[in-house]
C-alpha atoms as a PDB file:
ATOM      1  CA  UNK A   1     -18.203  75.140  84.834  1.00  0.00           C
ATOM      2  CA  UNK A   2     -16.829  72.134  82.949  1.00  0.00           C
ATOM      3  CA  UNK A   3     -14.502  69.615  84.458  1.00  0.00           C
ATOM      4  CA  UNK A   4     -10.882  70.520  85.059  1.00  0.00           C
ATOM      5  CA  UNK A   5      -8.343  69.133  82.611  1.00  0.00           C
ATOM      6  CA  UNK A   6      -7.349  65.715  83.811  1.00  0.00           C
ATOM      7  CA  UNK A   7     -10.825  64.568  84.822  1.00  0.00           C
ATOM      8  CA  UNK A   8     -11.870  61.415  83.059  1.00  0.00           C
ATOM      9  CA  UNK A   9     -13.762  61.458  79.812  1.00  0.00           C
ATOM     10  CA  UNK A  10     -15.687  58.324  78.928  1.00  0.00           C
ATOM     11  CA  UNK A  11     -17.625  57.121  75.922  1.00  0.00           C
ATOM     12  CA  UNK A  12     -21.015  56.076  77.178  1.00  0.00           C
ATOM     13  CA  UNK A  13     -21.892  53.283  77.520  1.00  0.00           C
ATOM     14  CA  UNK A  14     -18.406  51.769  77.753  1.00  0.00           C
ATOM     15  CA  UNK A  15     -19.401  48.546  76.004  1.00  0.00           C
ATOM     16  CA  UNK A  16     -21.641  50.105  73.337  1.00  0.00           C
ATOM     17  CA  UNK A  17     -19.811  53.262  72.384  1.00  0.00           C
ATOM     18  CA  UNK A  18     -19.018  52.222  68.805  1.00  0.00           C
ATOM     19  CA  UNK A  19     -21.606  50.948  66.368  1.00  0.00           C
ATOM     20  CA  UNK A  20     -21.595  49.764  62.754  1.00  0.00           C
ATOM     21  CA  UNK A  21     -24.329  50.392  60.192  1.00  0.00           C
ATOM     22  CA  UNK A  22     -23.899  46.904  58.697  1.00  0.00           C
ATOM     23  CA  UNK A  23     -22.289  43.986  60.485  1.00  0.00           C
ATOM     24  CA  UNK A  24     -21.559  41.625  58.870  1.00  0.00           C
ATOM     25  CA  UNK A  25     -20.967  43.494  55.637  1.00  0.00           C
ATOM     26  CA  UNK A  26     -19.959  42.478  52.112  1.00  0.00           C
ATOM     27  CA  UNK A  27     -16.721  43.530  50.441  1.00  0.00           C
ATOM     28  CA  UNK A  28     -17.369  46.810  48.652  1.00  0.00           C
ATOM     29  CA  UNK A  29     -20.412  47.645  50.790  1.00  0.00           C
ATOM     30  CA  UNK A  30     -20.263  51.077  52.423  1.00  0.00           C
ATOM     31  CA  UNK A  31     -20.247  50.793  56.214  1.00  0.00           C
ATOM     32  CA  UNK A  32     -20.582  53.703  58.633  1.00  0.00           C
ATOM     33  CA  UNK A  33     -19.036  53.546  62.096  1.00  0.00           C
ATOM     34  CA  UNK A  34     -20.510  55.852  64.744  1.00  0.00           C
ATOM     35  CA  UNK A  35     -18.715  56.765  67.967  1.00  0.00           C
ATOM     36  CA  UNK A  36     -20.667  58.391  70.800  1.00  0.00           C
ATOM     37  CA  UNK A  37     -18.655  60.505  73.239  1.00  0.00           C
ATOM     38  CA  UNK A  38     -20.044  61.579  76.605  1.00  0.00           C
ATOM     39  CA  UNK A  39     -18.624  62.816  79.915  1.00  0.00           C
ATOM     40  CA  UNK A  40     -18.210  60.343  82.733  1.00  0.00           C
ATOM     41  CA  UNK A  41     -19.727  61.483  86.035  1.00  0.00           C
ATOM     42  CA  UNK A  42     -18.966  63.497  88.050  1.00  0.00           C
ATOM     43  CA  UNK A  43     -17.620  65.445  85.081  1.00  0.00           C
ATOM     44  CA  UNK A  44     -19.813  67.770  83.062  1.00  0.00           C
ATOM     45  CA  UNK A  45     -19.682  69.697  79.841  1.00  0.00           C
ATOM     46  CA  UNK A  46     -19.599  68.937  76.125  1.00  0.00           C
ATOM     47  CA  UNK A  47     -16.371  67.569  74.647  1.00  0.00           C
ATOM     48  CA  UNK A  48     -15.182  68.902  71.298  1.00  0.00           C
ATOM     49  CA  UNK A  49     -12.413  67.943  68.936  1.00  0.00           C
ATOM     50  CA  UNK A  50     -12.099  64.860  66.782  1.00  0.00           C
ATOM     51  CA  UNK A  51     -12.293  61.068  66.840  1.00  0.00           C
ATOM     52  CA  UNK A  52      -9.836  58.740  65.095  1.00  0.00           C
ATOM     53  CA  UNK A  53     -11.046  55.355  63.889  1.00  0.00           C
ATOM     54  CA  UNK A  54      -8.713  52.344  63.811  1.00  0.00           C
ATOM     55  CA  UNK A  55      -8.644  48.885  62.263  1.00  0.00           C
ATOM     56  CA  UNK A  56      -6.321  47.223  64.747  1.00  0.00           C
ATOM     57  CA  UNK A  57      -3.290  49.538  64.752  1.00  0.00           C
ATOM     58  CA  UNK A  58      -4.078  50.972  61.305  1.00  0.00           C
ATOM     59  CA  UNK A  59      -5.642  54.424  61.160  1.00  0.00           C
ATOM     60  CA  UNK A  60      -8.772  54.437  59.019  1.00  0.00           C
ATOM     61  CA  UNK A  61      -9.509  58.150  59.321  1.00  0.00           C
ATOM     62  CA  UNK A  62     -10.304  61.049  61.625  1.00  0.00           C
ATOM     63  CA  UNK A  63     -13.557  63.022  61.762  1.00  0.00           C
ATOM     64  CA  UNK A  64     -14.796  65.962  63.810  1.00  0.00           C
ATOM     65  CA  UNK A  65     -16.994  65.436  66.840  1.00  0.00           C
ATOM     66  CA  UNK A  66     -20.426  67.006  66.447  1.00  0.00           C
ATOM     67  CA  UNK A  67     -23.187  66.868  69.034  1.00  0.00           C
ATOM     68  CA  UNK A  68     -21.360  64.162  70.912  1.00  0.00           C
ATOM     69  CA  UNK A  69     -20.967  61.811  67.928  1.00  0.00           C
ATOM     70  CA  UNK A  70     -18.476  61.215  65.132  1.00  0.00           C
ATOM     71  CA  UNK A  71     -19.011  59.048  62.067  1.00  0.00           C
ATOM     72  CA  UNK A  72     -16.690  57.517  59.510  1.00  0.00           C
ATOM     73  CA  UNK A  73     -17.703  55.602  56.368  1.00  0.00           C
ATOM     74  CA  UNK A  74     -15.682  53.340  54.100  1.00  0.00           C
ATOM     75  CA  UNK A  75     -16.138  50.471  51.647  1.00  0.00           C
ATOM     76  CA  UNK A  76     -12.572  49.196  51.352  1.00  0.00           C
ATOM     77  CA  UNK A  77     -12.249  46.715  54.222  1.00  0.00           C
ATOM     78  CA  UNK A  78     -11.082  43.398  52.806  1.00  0.00           C
ATOM     79  CA  UNK A  79     -12.623  40.013  53.592  1.00  0.00           C
ATOM     80  CA  UNK A  80     -11.694  39.285  57.203  1.00  0.00           C
ATOM     81  CA  UNK A  81     -12.648  40.006  60.798  1.00  0.00           C
ATOM     82  CA  UNK A  82     -11.570  43.547  61.678  1.00  0.00           C
ATOM     83  CA  UNK A  83     -11.079  44.916  65.199  1.00  0.00           C
ATOM     84  CA  UNK A  84     -12.463  48.464  64.977  1.00  0.00           C
ATOM     85  CA  UNK A  85     -11.932  51.060  67.718  1.00  0.00           C
ATOM     86  CA  UNK A  86     -12.595  54.793  68.022  1.00  0.00           C
ATOM     87  CA  UNK A  87     -10.325  57.110  69.989  1.00  0.00           C
ATOM     88  CA  UNK A  88     -11.429  60.539  71.157  1.00  0.00           C
ATOM     89  CA  UNK A  89      -8.394  62.800  70.741  1.00  0.00           C
ATOM     90  CA  UNK A  90      -9.197  65.181  73.604  1.00  0.00           C
ATOM     91  CA  UNK A  91      -9.487  68.970  73.774  1.00  0.00           C
ATOM     92  CA  UNK A  92      -8.625  71.743  76.215  1.00  0.00           C
ATOM     93  CA  UNK A  93     -10.880  70.309  78.899  1.00  0.00           C
ATOM     94  CA  UNK A  94     -10.862  66.552  78.354  1.00  0.00           C
ATOM     95  CA  UNK A  95      -8.253  63.843  78.057  1.00  0.00           C
ATOM     96  CA  UNK A  96      -8.293  61.221  75.344  1.00  0.00           C
ATOM     97  CA  UNK A  97     -10.417  58.094  75.623  1.00  0.00           C
ATOM     98  CA  UNK A  98     -10.713  54.962  73.517  1.00  0.00           C
ATOM     99  CA  UNK A  99     -13.739  52.810  72.870  1.00  0.00           C
ATOM    100  CA  UNK A 100     -14.183  49.112  73.352  1.00  0.00           C
ATOM    101  CA  UNK A 101     -13.315  47.245  70.134  1.00  0.00           C
ATOM    102  CA  UNK A 102     -16.073  45.955  67.914  1.00  0.00           C
ATOM    103  CA  UNK A 103     -15.445  43.127  65.438  1.00  0.00           C
ATOM    104  CA  UNK A 104     -16.497  43.985  61.906  1.00  0.00           C
ATOM    105  CA  UNK A 105     -16.965  40.895  59.743  1.00  0.00           C
ATOM    106  CA  UNK A 106     -16.562  41.391  56.000  1.00  0.00           C
ATOM    107  CA  UNK A 107     -17.796  38.627  53.683  1.00  0.00           C
ATOM    108  CA  UNK A 108     -16.808  38.039  50.026  1.00  0.00           C
ATOM    109  CA  UNK A 109     -18.652  39.890  47.276  1.00  0.00           C
ATOM    110  CA  UNK A 110     -20.366  37.755  44.642  1.00  0.00           C
ATOM    111  CA  UNK A 111     -18.652  37.598  41.264  1.00  0.00           C
ATOM    112  CA  UNK A 112     -20.191  36.014  38.168  1.00  0.00           C
ATOM    113  CA  UNK A 113     -18.114  34.534  35.346  1.00  0.00           C
ATOM    114  CA  UNK A 114     -20.275  34.015  32.249  1.00  0.00           C
ATOM    115  CA  UNK A 115     -18.958  31.919  29.369  1.00  0.00           C
ATOM    116  CA  UNK A 116     -19.905  33.070  25.868  1.00  0.00           C
ATOM    117  CA  UNK A 117     -21.996  30.675  23.797  1.00  0.00           C
ATOM    118  CA  UNK A 118     -20.475  29.996  20.383  1.00  0.00           C
ATOM    119  CA  UNK A 119     -21.121  28.274  17.067  1.00  0.00           C
ATOM    120  CA  UNK A 120     -18.747  26.201  14.974  1.00  0.00           C
ATOM    121  CA  UNK A 121     -18.565  23.704  12.130  1.00  0.00           C
ATOM    122  CA  UNK A 122     -17.949  20.020  12.635  1.00  0.00           C
ATOM    123  CA  UNK A 123     -14.601  19.067  11.142  1.00  0.00           C
ATOM    124  CA  UNK A 124     -13.135  22.566  11.535  1.00  0.00           C
ATOM    125  CA  UNK A 125     -11.039  24.064  14.374  1.00  0.00           C
ATOM    126  CA  UNK A 126     -13.103  25.082  17.395  1.00  0.00           C
ATOM    127  CA  UNK A 127     -13.660  28.809  18.001  1.00  0.00           C
ATOM    128  CA  UNK A 128     -11.744  30.489  20.839  1.00  0.00           C
ATOM    129  CA  UNK A 129     -13.592  30.272  24.144  1.00  0.00           C
ATOM    130  CA  UNK A 130     -14.204  33.553  26.009  1.00  0.00           C
ATOM    131  CA  UNK A 131     -15.896  34.769  29.181  1.00  0.00           C
ATOM    132  CA  UNK A 132     -17.023  37.988  30.862  1.00  0.00           C
ATOM    133  CA  UNK A 133     -16.813  38.995  34.532  1.00  0.00           C
ATOM    134  CA  UNK A 134     -19.577  40.855  36.389  1.00  0.00           C
ATOM    135  CA  UNK A 135     -19.723  42.050  39.981  1.00  0.00           C
ATOM    136  CA  UNK A 136     -16.343  43.718  40.466  1.00  0.00           C
ATOM    137  CA  UNK A 137     -16.451  46.544  43.029  1.00  0.00           C
ATOM    138  CA  UNK A 138     -14.246  49.379  44.262  1.00  0.00           C
ATOM    139  CA  UNK A 139     -12.825  49.873  40.775  1.00  0.00           C
ATOM    140  CA  UNK A 140     -11.156  46.456  40.771  1.00  0.00           C
ATOM    141  CA  UNK A 141      -9.892  45.487  37.293  1.00  0.00           C
ATOM    142  CA  UNK A 142     -10.742  42.157  35.685  1.00  0.00           C
ATOM    143  CA  UNK A 143      -7.098  41.208  36.277  1.00  0.00           C
ATOM    144  CA  UNK A 144      -7.932  40.410  39.932  1.00  0.00           C
ATOM    145  CA  UNK A 145      -9.554  37.244  38.557  1.00  0.00           C
ATOM    146  CA  UNK A 146      -7.018  34.573  37.613  1.00  0.00           C
ATOM    147  CA  UNK A 147      -6.745  30.887  36.873  1.00  0.00           C
ATOM    148  CA  UNK A 148     -10.021  30.406  34.980  1.00  0.00           C
ATOM    149  CA  UNK A 149      -9.931  27.343  32.717  1.00  0.00           C
ATOM    150  CA  UNK A 150     -12.368  27.020  29.816  1.00  0.00           C
ATOM    151  CA  UNK A 151     -12.929  23.483  28.564  1.00  0.00           C
ATOM    152  CA  UNK A 152     -15.404  21.521  26.458  1.00  0.00           C
ATOM    153  CA  UNK A 153     -15.847  17.848  25.624  1.00  0.00           C
ATOM    154  CA  UNK A 154     -16.145  18.899  21.973  1.00  0.00           C
ATOM    155  CA  UNK A 155     -13.198  18.442  19.605  1.00  0.00           C
ATOM    156  CA  UNK A 156     -12.684  19.559  15.996  1.00  0.00           C
ATOM    157  CA  UNK A 157     -13.921  16.148  14.805  1.00  0.00           C
ATOM    158  CA  UNK A 158     -16.991  16.003  17.073  1.00  0.00           C
ATOM    159  CA  UNK A 159     -20.298  15.273  15.387  1.00  0.00           C
ATOM    160  CA  UNK A 160     -22.814  18.088  14.903  1.00  0.00           C
ATOM    161  CA  UNK A 161     -24.632  18.857  18.137  1.00  0.00           C
ATOM    162  CA  UNK A 162     -24.569  21.010  21.273  1.00  0.00           C
ATOM    163  CA  UNK A 163     -21.735  20.767  23.792  1.00  0.00           C
ATOM    164  CA  UNK A 164     -21.085  22.608  27.092  1.00  0.00           C
ATOM    165  CA  UNK A 165     -18.273  25.130  27.511  1.00  0.00           C
ATOM    166  CA  UNK A 166     -17.261  24.893  31.158  1.00  0.00           C
ATOM    167  CA  UNK A 167     -15.444  27.477  33.306  1.00  0.00           C
ATOM    168  CA  UNK A 168     -13.733  26.406  36.532  1.00  0.00           C
ATOM    169  CA  UNK A 169     -10.675  27.033  38.677  1.00  0.00           C
ATOM    170  CA  UNK A 170     -10.809  30.822  39.045  1.00  0.00           C
ATOM    171  CA  UNK A 171      -9.500  32.770  42.021  1.00  0.00           C
ATOM    172  CA  UNK A 172     -10.144  36.353  43.141  1.00  0.00           C
ATOM    173  CA  UNK A 173      -9.292  37.904  46.496  1.00  0.00           C
ATOM    174  CA  UNK A 174     -12.366  39.234  48.336  1.00  0.00           C
ATOM    175  CA  UNK A 175     -14.796  37.540  45.930  1.00  0.00           C
ATOM    176  CA  UNK A 176     -16.822  34.332  45.743  1.00  0.00           C
ATOM    177  CA  UNK A 177     -17.110  33.178  42.124  1.00  0.00           C
ATOM    178  CA  UNK A 178     -20.245  31.780  40.480  1.00  0.00           C
ATOM    179  CA  UNK A 179     -19.939  30.261  37.012  1.00  0.00           C
ATOM    180  CA  UNK A 180     -22.464  30.380  34.173  1.00  0.00           C
ATOM    181  CA  UNK A 181     -21.384  27.859  31.529  1.00  0.00           C
ATOM    182  CA  UNK A 182     -21.836  28.459  27.814  1.00  0.00           C
ATOM    183  CA  UNK A 183     -22.742  26.168  24.912  1.00  0.00           C
ATOM    184  CA  UNK A 184     -20.964  25.295  21.714  1.00  0.00           C
ATOM    185  CA  UNK A 185     -23.230  24.438  18.794  1.00  0.00           C
ATOM    186  CA  UNK A 186     -21.553  22.514  15.983  1.00  0.00           C
ATOM    187  CA  UNK A 187     -23.275  22.271  12.610  1.00  0.00           C
ATOM    188  CA  UNK A 188     -22.518  19.958   9.703  1.00  0.00           C
ATOM    189  CA  UNK A 189     -19.987  21.172   7.145  1.00  0.00           C
ATOM    190  CA  UNK A 190     -21.575  22.336   3.876  1.00  0.00           C
ATOM    191  CA  UNK A 191     -21.202  20.014   0.863  1.00  0.00           C
ATOM    192  CA  UNK A 192     -18.151  20.705  -1.302  1.00  0.00           C
ATOM    193  CA  UNK A 193     -18.547  23.121  -4.198  1.00  0.00           C
ATOM    194  CA  UNK A 194     -18.626  21.460  -7.630  1.00  0.00           C
ATOM    195  CA  UNK A 195     -15.288  21.786  -9.415  1.00  0.00           C
ATOM    196  CA  UNK A 196     -13.911  20.646 -12.791  1.00  0.00           C
ATOM    197  CA  UNK A 197     -10.398  19.316 -13.453  1.00  0.00           C
ATOM    198  CA  UNK A 198      -8.784  20.091 -16.844  1.00  0.00           C
ATOM    199  CA  UNK A 199      -5.352  19.582 -18.337  1.00  0.00           C
ATOM    200  CA  UNK A 200      -2.889  22.400 -17.883  1.00  0.00           C
ATOM    201  CA  UNK A 201       0.488  23.066 -19.463  1.00  0.00           C
ATOM    202  CA  UNK A 202       3.645  21.018 -18.842  1.00  0.00           C
ATOM    203  CA  UNK A 203       1.671  18.076 -17.514  1.00  0.00           C
ATOM    204  CA  UNK A 204      -0.063  20.073 -14.740  1.00  0.00           C
ATOM    205  CA  UNK A 205      -3.713  19.746 -13.801  1.00  0.00           C
ATOM    206  CA  UNK A 206      -5.902  22.751 -13.127  1.00  0.00           C
ATOM    207  CA  UNK A 207      -9.016  22.578 -10.940  1.00  0.00           C
ATOM    208  CA  UNK A 208     -11.610  25.099 -11.989  1.00  0.00           C
ATOM    209  CA  UNK A 209     -14.231  26.676  -9.738  1.00  0.00           C
ATOM    210  CA  UNK A 210     -17.842  26.927 -10.947  1.00  0.00           C
ATOM    211  CA  UNK A 211     -17.186  30.435 -12.288  1.00  0.00           C
ATOM    212  CA  UNK A 212     -14.375  29.106 -14.488  1.00  0.00           C
ATOM    213  CA  UNK A 213     -11.528  30.552 -12.464  1.00  0.00           C
ATOM    214  CA  UNK A 214      -8.587  28.361 -11.477  1.00  0.00           C
ATOM    215  CA  UNK A 215      -9.096  27.177  -7.907  1.00  0.00           C
ATOM    216  CA  UNK A 216      -5.690  25.501  -7.678  1.00  0.00           C
ATOM    217  CA  UNK A 217      -3.102  23.712  -9.840  1.00  0.00           C
ATOM    218  CA  UNK A 218      -1.087  20.581  -9.149  1.00  0.00           C
ATOM    219  CA  UNK A 219       1.429  18.494 -11.095  1.00  0.00           C
ATOM    220  CA  UNK A 220       1.177  14.700 -10.825  1.00  0.00           C
ATOM    221  CA  UNK A 221       4.409  12.808 -10.291  1.00  0.00           C
ATOM    222  CA  UNK A 222       5.933  11.116 -13.340  1.00  0.00           C
ATOM    223  CA  UNK A 223       4.035   8.062 -14.554  1.00  0.00           C
ATOM    224  CA  UNK A 224       0.895   8.836 -12.548  1.00  0.00           C
ATOM    225  CA  UNK A 225      -2.505   8.353 -14.115  1.00  0.00           C
ATOM    226  CA  UNK A 226      -4.935  11.232 -13.599  1.00  0.00           C
ATOM    227  CA  UNK A 227      -8.624  10.406 -13.561  1.00  0.00           C
ATOM    228  CA  UNK A 228     -10.990  13.254 -14.377  1.00  0.00           C
ATOM    229  CA  UNK A 229     -14.475  13.294 -12.927  1.00  0.00           C
ATOM    230  CA  UNK A 230     -17.106  15.992 -13.275  1.00  0.00           C
ATOM    231  CA  UNK A 231     -18.587  16.733  -9.802  1.00  0.00           C
END
């Protein structure tokens, strides 16, 4: 016969009753905790019921005991050291028992911020700098990343050439950020299109495009001398 209710139930061995499939683990990595439940001598029998897993005082979940073991898997522990315990909830023959705590260490997941490489024209406004984020886990949105600054030594009047586009300053809980900088390639502005200036009405001057259409019109102030030059 099994032990009478009230006899002790232990998890054997007392200091190794709870194990982790990956310790340390990385944020977002699935980790399985296994609790082994056995009867402490002189008791006998096979306990049944369920085991509840805790992170400190927070309940992680409860699973059924099968063949003396219960397992629970999760991937949502944040970056920290977590004190994990497993408590056998007892049944009609055995009292409850709790395991020795094991410390689960969760490290940051790697996140990569990649800056887009762009092209522009010297003497014109610079294009808008952009970046993409790779490595988010657990369905995290890109909004968890904040504070990224995109800068470049290039200015709208920089000479033609290649300039870095640098990303720095980002923050994201549970992640370690790696940056991949981009490049900005500035080319020389094309030569101006040949245009012809002709007299317009009421003292105005029309500037014609090569196809003969009016590119724009202006009116010199009174007394001004207008010089015409064929480009």
